Amino acid sequence: MINEPIIEVKHLKKHFPIREGVFGQETGKLYAVDGVSFTIRKGTIFGLVGESGSGKTTVGRTLLGLYTPTAGEVLYQGTDLHSLSASQLRAIRPKIQLVFQDPYSSLNPRIRIGEAIGEALLAHKLCTKKECYEKVIEIMEICGLSRHHYSRFPHEFSGGQRQRIGIARALILEPDLVIADEPISALDVSIQAQIINLLADLRDDYQMTCLFISHDLGVVEHLCDDVAVMYLGQIVETASRDTLFTQPLHPYTQALLASVPTLDTRMPVTVISGQVPDPSAPPVGCRFASRCPQKQPLCDNVPPVFTQVTSGHLVACHLFSTDI
């Protein structure tokens, strides 16, 4: 069922201690993720966007279990991942896979790519060596690679081909969720389009579910079904792709969309003024207040709450709050 939730993130927080001095005494906290909630539906691509340092990658790594959350829940099909024992988590781990930003650094240069793609199958004892070879060939062809690529080493491939290898490594385990962290940012523009089309085909043909982390709004508009916009560790707006790009409500979302370059030289590129506040000392009220052109007096002292403006379209902004 397409609307069935695969992942539900509820009030997720991840704070990193700041340590100083010879003895590493904790002097503060870095509020990388500070109360994030969203749902990823089965068979869809969910886009998580925002400026560098907004906390997007930390969200992805916490979903994977690479970071232990400070608070909140990550529910996989109704089960909180961070309440599981090590053995229970190991059984679920194949169901959530990661596609890295830099495909070359994620590959062992001494291992042939066919073996690299299939090693997870053997590690989890999901098939025999003969079955593994057949599955690897199948997934390579699905991802646009050829059978004769099986015995080659990573240095023999282009950047786009390496990213296809990374996608094949993730899909070989038939995961319920793929987390793609800036998977095209290191690629040439022409190659980016190929990888975007591959991800779209995998969703349409194989019902792949994906968390797509990116700062490129143009790519997100083309690829994603639902979108959440992050700023300084919090989500400020979430909606379907069509709704968000045609009716952006939060001033930060509007500024991001206005800053996307176009081929029309008559349209000036809008630059968001001001600096991002220190994540170790976030503002008490709205975190975007110091840069917001529509700032109100209460924005400095009262944090906004999420308000549902239309079905599925939520925004955290005092301009739309019904509580104040």
Protein backbone atom coordinates (compact mmCIF):
# COMPACT_ATOMS: atom_id res chain seq x y z
CA MET A 1 0.00 0.00 0.00
CA ILE A 2 1.56 3.26 -1.18
CA ASN A 3 0.47 5.36 1.82
CA GLU A 4 1.70 2.90 4.44
CA PRO A 5 4.39 4.55 6.60
CA ILE A 6 7.81 2.89 6.57
CA ILE A 7 9.54 5.31 8.95
CA GLU A 8 7.96 7.63 11.51
CA VAL A 9 10.29 10.11 13.19
CA LYS A 10 8.85 11.66 16.34
CA HIS A 11 10.44 14.61 18.16
CA LEU A 12 13.95 13.40 17.29
CA LYS A 13 16.85 15.17 19.00
CA LYS A 14 20.58 14.72 18.67
CA HIS A 15 22.82 16.95 20.79
CA PHE A 16 26.59 16.61 20.69
CA PRO A 17 28.64 17.57 23.77
CA ILE A 18 31.21 20.33 23.36
CA ARG A 19 34.37 19.49 25.27
CA GLU A 20 37.28 21.77 26.06
CA GLY A 21 40.43 21.73 28.13
CA VAL A 22 43.02 19.08 28.89
CA PHE A 23 40.49 16.78 30.57
CA GLY A 24 37.77 17.24 27.95
CA GLN A 25 35.29 18.83 30.29
CA GLU A 26 31.86 19.37 28.76
CA THR A 27 31.20 23.07 28.38
CA GLY A 28 28.08 23.03 26.26
CA LYS A 29 26.05 21.22 23.62
CA LEU A 30 25.70 21.43 19.86
CA TYR A 31 21.99 21.20 19.02
CA ALA A 32 22.42 19.48 15.65
CA VAL A 33 18.87 18.06 15.54
CA ASP A 34 16.36 19.52 17.95
CA GLY A 35 12.85 18.09 17.77
CA VAL A 36 12.31 16.78 14.24
CA SER A 37 9.17 14.87 13.20
CA PHE A 38 8.17 13.47 9.79
CA THR A 39 6.82 10.33 8.10
CA ILE A 40 8.16 8.54 5.03
CA ARG A 41 5.52 6.68 3.04
CA LYS A 42 6.17 3.37 1.32
CA GLY A 43 7.12 3.63 -2.35
CA THR A 44 7.91 7.37 -2.20
CA ILE A 45 11.00 9.57 -2.17
CA PHE A 46 11.05 11.97 0.78
CA GLY A 47 13.24 15.04 0.31
CA LEU A 48 15.04 16.65 3.26
CA VAL A 49 16.47 20.03 2.25
CA GLY A 50 18.20 22.99 3.83
CA GLU A 51 21.44 24.93 3.99
CA SER A 52 24.71 23.30 5.01
CA GLY A 53 24.76 22.81 8.76
CA SER A 54 20.98 22.55 9.09
CA GLY A 55 21.20 19.01 10.49
CA LYS A 56 20.09 16.98 7.45
CA THR A 57 22.97 14.50 7.51
CA THR A 58 22.69 14.05 11.27
CA VAL A 59 19.05 13.06 10.83
CA GLY A 60 20.03 10.44 8.27
CA ARG A 61 22.84 9.01 10.38
CA THR A 62 20.57 8.83 13.42
CA LEU A 63 17.94 6.96 11.41
CA LEU A 64 20.65 4.48 10.41
CA GLY A 65 21.71 3.98 14.01
CA LEU A 66 25.16 5.50 13.50
CA TYR A 67 24.20 8.07 16.14
CA THR A 68 22.22 7.38 19.30
CA PRO A 69 19.43 9.96 19.65
CA THR A 70 19.38 12.27 22.63
CA ALA A 71 15.58 12.04 22.68
CA GLY A 72 12.67 11.09 20.46
CA GLU A 73 11.74 7.99 18.49
CA VAL A 74 12.54 6.45 15.11
CA LEU A 75 9.73 4.00 14.40
CA TYR A 76 10.35 1.38 11.72
CA GLN A 77 7.01 -0.24 10.92
CA GLY A 78 5.86 0.73 14.42
CA THR A 79 8.97 -0.43 16.31
CA ASP A 80 11.36 2.06 17.92
CA LEU A 81 14.78 1.18 16.45
CA HIS A 82 16.67 2.56 19.41
CA SER A 83 14.82 0.37 21.91
CA LEU A 84 16.05 -2.84 20.27
CA SER A 85 18.88 -5.05 21.49
CA ALA A 86 22.05 -5.46 19.43
CA SER A 87 20.88 -8.77 17.98
CA GLN A 88 17.44 -7.41 17.11
CA LEU A 89 18.98 -4.37 15.47
CA ARG A 90 21.35 -6.54 13.44
CA ALA A 91 18.37 -8.45 12.05
CA ILE A 92 16.71 -5.19 10.94
CA ARG A 93 19.85 -3.44 9.68
CA PRO A 94 19.68 -4.90 6.13
CA LYS A 95 16.29 -3.26 5.74
CA ILE A 96 17.74 0.28 5.98
CA GLN A 97 20.64 1.05 3.65
CA LEU A 98 22.77 4.09 2.84
CA VAL A 99 24.01 5.58 -0.44
CA PHE A 100 27.09 7.70 0.28
CA GLN A 101 27.86 11.18 -1.01
CA ASP A 102 31.32 10.14 -2.23
CA PRO A 103 30.99 6.74 -3.94
CA TYR A 104 34.74 6.20 -4.33
CA SER A 105 35.56 6.56 -0.63
CA SER A 106 32.91 3.95 0.22
CA LEU A 107 34.54 1.30 -1.99
CA ASN A 108 37.58 -0.78 -1.08
CA PRO A 109 40.05 -0.20 -3.96
CA ARG A 110 41.35 -3.79 -3.62
CA ILE A 111 37.97 -5.50 -3.96
CA ARG A 112 36.33 -6.10 -7.32
CA ILE A 113 32.98 -4.36 -7.54
CA GLY A 114 30.99 -7.56 -8.00
CA GLU A 115 32.34 -8.84 -4.69
CA ALA A 116 31.74 -5.43 -3.07
CA ILE A 117 28.10 -5.40 -4.15
CA GLY A 118 27.47 -8.93 -2.91
CA GLU A 119 29.47 -8.95 0.32
CA ALA A 120 26.51 -7.83 2.46
CA LEU A 121 24.43 -10.77 1.21
CA LEU A 122 27.11 -13.21 2.33
CA ALA A 123 27.79 -11.36 5.59
CA HIS A 124 24.12 -11.66 6.58
CA LYS A 125 24.01 -15.27 5.26
CA LEU A 126 21.08 -14.49 2.99
CA CYS A 127 22.20 -16.75 0.12
CA THR A 128 24.91 -19.10 -1.16
CA LYS A 129 27.91 -17.88 -3.18
CA LYS A 130 26.34 -19.11 -6.43
CA GLU A 131 23.04 -17.39 -5.68
CA CYS A 132 24.97 -14.26 -4.67
CA TYR A 133 26.66 -14.04 -8.08
CA GLU A 134 23.32 -14.29 -9.87
CA LYS A 135 21.73 -11.66 -7.63
CA VAL A 136 24.68 -9.29 -8.11
CA ILE A 137 24.45 -9.56 -11.90
CA GLU A 138 20.71 -8.89 -11.73
CA ILE A 139 21.02 -5.79 -9.56
CA MET A 140 23.95 -4.47 -11.62
CA GLU A 141 21.85 -4.60 -14.77
CA ILE A 142 18.93 -2.92 -13.00
CA CYS A 143 21.28 -0.08 -11.98
CA GLY A 144 22.66 0.39 -15.49
CA LEU A 145 25.87 -1.62 -15.17
CA SER A 146 26.97 -4.47 -17.43
CA ARG A 147 27.82 -8.07 -16.63
CA HIS A 148 31.44 -7.57 -17.70
CA HIS A 149 31.85 -4.88 -15.02
CA TYR A 150 31.71 -7.56 -12.30
CA SER A 151 35.47 -8.21 -12.18
CA ARG A 152 36.67 -4.62 -12.44
CA PHE A 153 38.13 -2.52 -9.64
CA PRO A 154 36.69 0.83 -8.44
CA HIS A 155 39.41 2.94 -10.10
CA GLU A 156 38.29 1.67 -13.51
CA PHE A 157 34.93 3.42 -13.28
CA SER A 158 33.72 6.99 -13.73
CA GLY A 159 32.07 8.91 -10.91
CA GLY A 160 28.59 8.19 -12.23
CA GLN A 161 29.31 4.49 -12.56
CA ARG A 162 30.67 4.38 -9.01
CA GLN A 163 27.47 5.92 -7.74
CA ARG A 164 25.51 3.26 -9.62
CA ILE A 165 27.67 0.70 -7.80
CA GLY A 166 26.81 2.38 -4.50
CA ILE A 167 23.10 2.23 -5.31
CA ALA A 168 23.42 -1.43 -6.31
CA ARG A 169 25.16 -2.20 -2.99
CA ALA A 170 22.26 -0.63 -1.14
CA LEU A 171 19.54 -2.36 -3.16
CA ILE A 172 21.06 -5.86 -3.17
CA LEU A 173 19.57 -6.50 0.28
CA GLU A 174 16.09 -5.44 -0.90
CA PRO A 175 15.80 -2.78 1.82
CA ASP A 176 12.58 -1.14 2.90
CA LEU A 177 14.34 2.24 3.06
CA VAL A 178 17.34 3.72 1.25
CA ILE A 179 18.93 6.84 2.73
CA ALA A 180 20.69 8.82 0.00
CA ASP A 181 22.89 11.54 1.53
CA GLU A 182 23.75 14.11 -1.16
CA PRO A 183 24.26 11.27 -3.66
CA ILE A 184 24.82 13.51 -6.71
CA SER A 185 26.66 16.52 -5.30
CA ALA A 186 30.10 15.11 -6.28
CA LEU A 187 29.05 14.36 -9.87
CA ASP A 188 29.05 16.36 -13.10
CA VAL A 189 25.73 17.91 -14.06
CA SER A 190 25.14 15.54 -17.00
CA ILE A 191 25.84 12.52 -14.78
CA GLN A 192 23.61 13.92 -12.04
CA ALA A 193 20.64 13.70 -14.41
CA GLN A 194 21.35 10.01 -15.06
CA ILE A 195 21.44 9.16 -11.35
CA ILE A 196 18.28 11.19 -10.69
CA ASN A 197 16.48 9.30 -13.46
CA LEU A 198 17.75 5.99 -12.07
CA LEU A 199 16.37 6.77 -8.61
CA ALA A 200 13.05 7.80 -10.11
CA ASP A 201 12.88 4.57 -12.15
CA LEU A 202 13.67 2.48 -9.07
CA ARG A 203 10.79 4.14 -7.22
CA ASP A 204 8.35 3.75 -10.10
CA ASP A 205 9.33 0.23 -11.18
CA TYR A 206 10.39 -1.40 -7.90
CA GLN A 207 8.55 0.72 -5.28
CA MET A 208 11.84 1.79 -3.68
CA THR A 209 11.37 4.02 -0.63
CA CYS A 210 14.04 6.67 -0.17
CA LEU A 211 15.07 9.51 2.14
CA PHE A 212 16.80 11.91 -0.25
CA ILE A 213 19.01 14.44 1.57
CA SER A 214 20.02 17.41 -0.56
CA HIS A 215 20.59 21.14 -0.71
CA ASP A 216 19.60 21.30 -4.39
CA LEU A 217 15.97 22.37 -4.62
CA GLY A 218 15.88 21.87 -8.39
CA VAL A 219 16.69 18.18 -7.97
CA VAL A 220 14.23 17.80 -5.09
CA GLU A 221 11.44 19.34 -7.16
CA HIS A 222 12.10 16.91 -10.00
CA LEU A 223 12.53 13.76 -7.91
CA CYS A 224 10.73 13.83 -4.57
CA ASP A 225 7.12 13.13 -3.61
CA ASP A 226 7.15 14.81 -0.18
CA VAL A 227 9.54 17.47 1.12
CA ALA A 228 10.62 18.79 4.53
CA VAL A 229 12.67 21.98 4.90
CA MET A 230 15.20 22.13 7.76
CA TYR A 231 16.77 25.16 9.39
CA LEU A 232 19.19 25.08 12.32
CA GLY A 233 18.19 21.62 13.54
CA GLN A 234 14.44 21.95 13.11
CA ILE A 235 11.89 21.37 10.35
CA VAL A 236 10.14 24.63 9.45
CA GLU A 237 7.81 23.37 6.72
CA THR A 238 6.68 20.06 5.25
CA ALA A 239 4.29 19.28 2.42
CA SER A 240 3.89 17.35 -0.80
CA ARG A 241 6.31 18.34 -3.53
CA ASP A 242 3.71 20.08 -5.67
CA THR A 243 2.27 22.03 -2.73
CA LEU A 244 5.63 23.15 -1.36
CA PHE A 245 6.95 24.44 -4.68
CA THR A 246 3.75 26.18 -5.75
CA GLN A 247 2.66 27.53 -2.34
CA PRO A 248 5.69 27.92 -0.04
CA LEU A 249 4.57 29.48 3.24
CA HIS A 250 7.57 29.79 5.56
CA PRO A 251 9.77 32.84 4.83
CA TYR A 252 12.83 30.57 4.84
CA THR A 253 11.30 28.23 2.24
CA GLN A 254 10.35 31.23 0.13
CA ALA A 255 13.89 32.59 0.38
CA LEU A 256 15.41 29.24 -0.59
CA LEU A 257 13.20 28.98 -3.67
CA ALA A 258 13.93 32.58 -4.65
CA SER A 259 17.67 31.91 -4.42
CA VAL A 260 17.62 29.11 -7.01
CA PRO A 261 19.48 30.35 -10.15
CA THR A 262 17.51 30.47 -13.42
CA LEU A 263 18.44 30.95 -17.07
CA ASP A 264 16.48 34.20 -17.12
CA THR A 265 19.16 36.87 -16.67
CA ARG A 266 16.47 39.46 -15.89
CA MET A 267 15.63 37.65 -12.66
CA PRO A 268 18.08 38.59 -9.89
CA VAL A 269 19.24 35.81 -7.59
CA THR A 270 17.95 36.45 -4.08
CA VAL A 271 20.48 36.01 -1.28
CA ILE A 272 19.27 35.31 2.25
CA SER A 273 20.69 38.08 4.42
CA GLY A 274 22.38 37.59 7.78
CA GLN A 275 24.25 34.67 9.29
CA VAL A 276 23.01 31.34 10.59
CA PRO A 277 22.95 31.52 14.43
CA ASP A 278 25.38 29.46 16.47
CA PRO A 279 23.91 25.92 16.81
CA SER A 280 25.40 25.66 20.29
CA ALA A 281 23.31 28.68 21.39
CA PRO A 282 20.16 28.68 19.24
CA PRO A 283 17.66 31.55 19.59
CA VAL A 284 14.95 31.23 22.20
CA GLY A 285 12.14 32.05 19.78
CA CYS A 286 11.98 31.43 16.05
CA ARG A 287 15.40 30.31 14.85
CA PHE A 288 15.01 32.17 11.55
CA ALA A 289 13.94 35.44 13.19
CA SER A 290 17.31 37.22 12.81
CA ARG A 291 17.19 36.71 9.03
CA CYS A 292 13.44 36.92 8.42
CA PRO A 293 12.04 39.84 6.37
CA GLN A 294 8.59 39.27 7.93
CA LYS A 295 9.74 39.16 11.55
CA GLN A 296 7.20 40.04 14.25
CA PRO A 297 7.94 41.23 17.82
CA LEU A 298 7.07 37.86 19.40
CA CYS A 299 9.40 35.94 17.06
CA ASP A 300 12.44 36.69 19.24
CA ASN A 301 10.97 35.16 22.40
CA VAL A 302 8.24 32.67 21.47
CA PRO A 303 9.06 29.52 19.49
CA PRO A 304 6.49 28.83 16.75
CA VAL A 305 4.49 25.59 16.76
CA PHE A 306 3.64 23.46 13.75
CA THR A 307 0.32 24.51 12.21
CA GLN A 308 -1.54 22.56 9.56
CA VAL A 309 -2.58 25.07 6.93
CA THR A 310 -4.03 22.57 4.48
CA SER A 311 -4.11 18.77 4.44
CA GLY A 312 -0.53 17.54 4.73
CA HIS A 313 0.95 21.05 4.63
CA LEU A 314 2.46 22.06 7.97
CA VAL A 315 4.49 25.15 8.78
CA ALA A 316 6.21 26.38 11.95
CA CYS A 317 5.72 30.16 11.69
CA HIS A 318 3.87 32.76 13.74
CA LEU A 319 2.33 34.14 10.53
CA PHE A 320 0.15 31.01 10.45
CA SER A 321 -0.09 30.10 14.13
CA THR A 322 -3.57 29.69 15.59
CA ASP A 323 -2.34 29.64 19.19
CA ILE A 324 -1.25 33.26 19.39
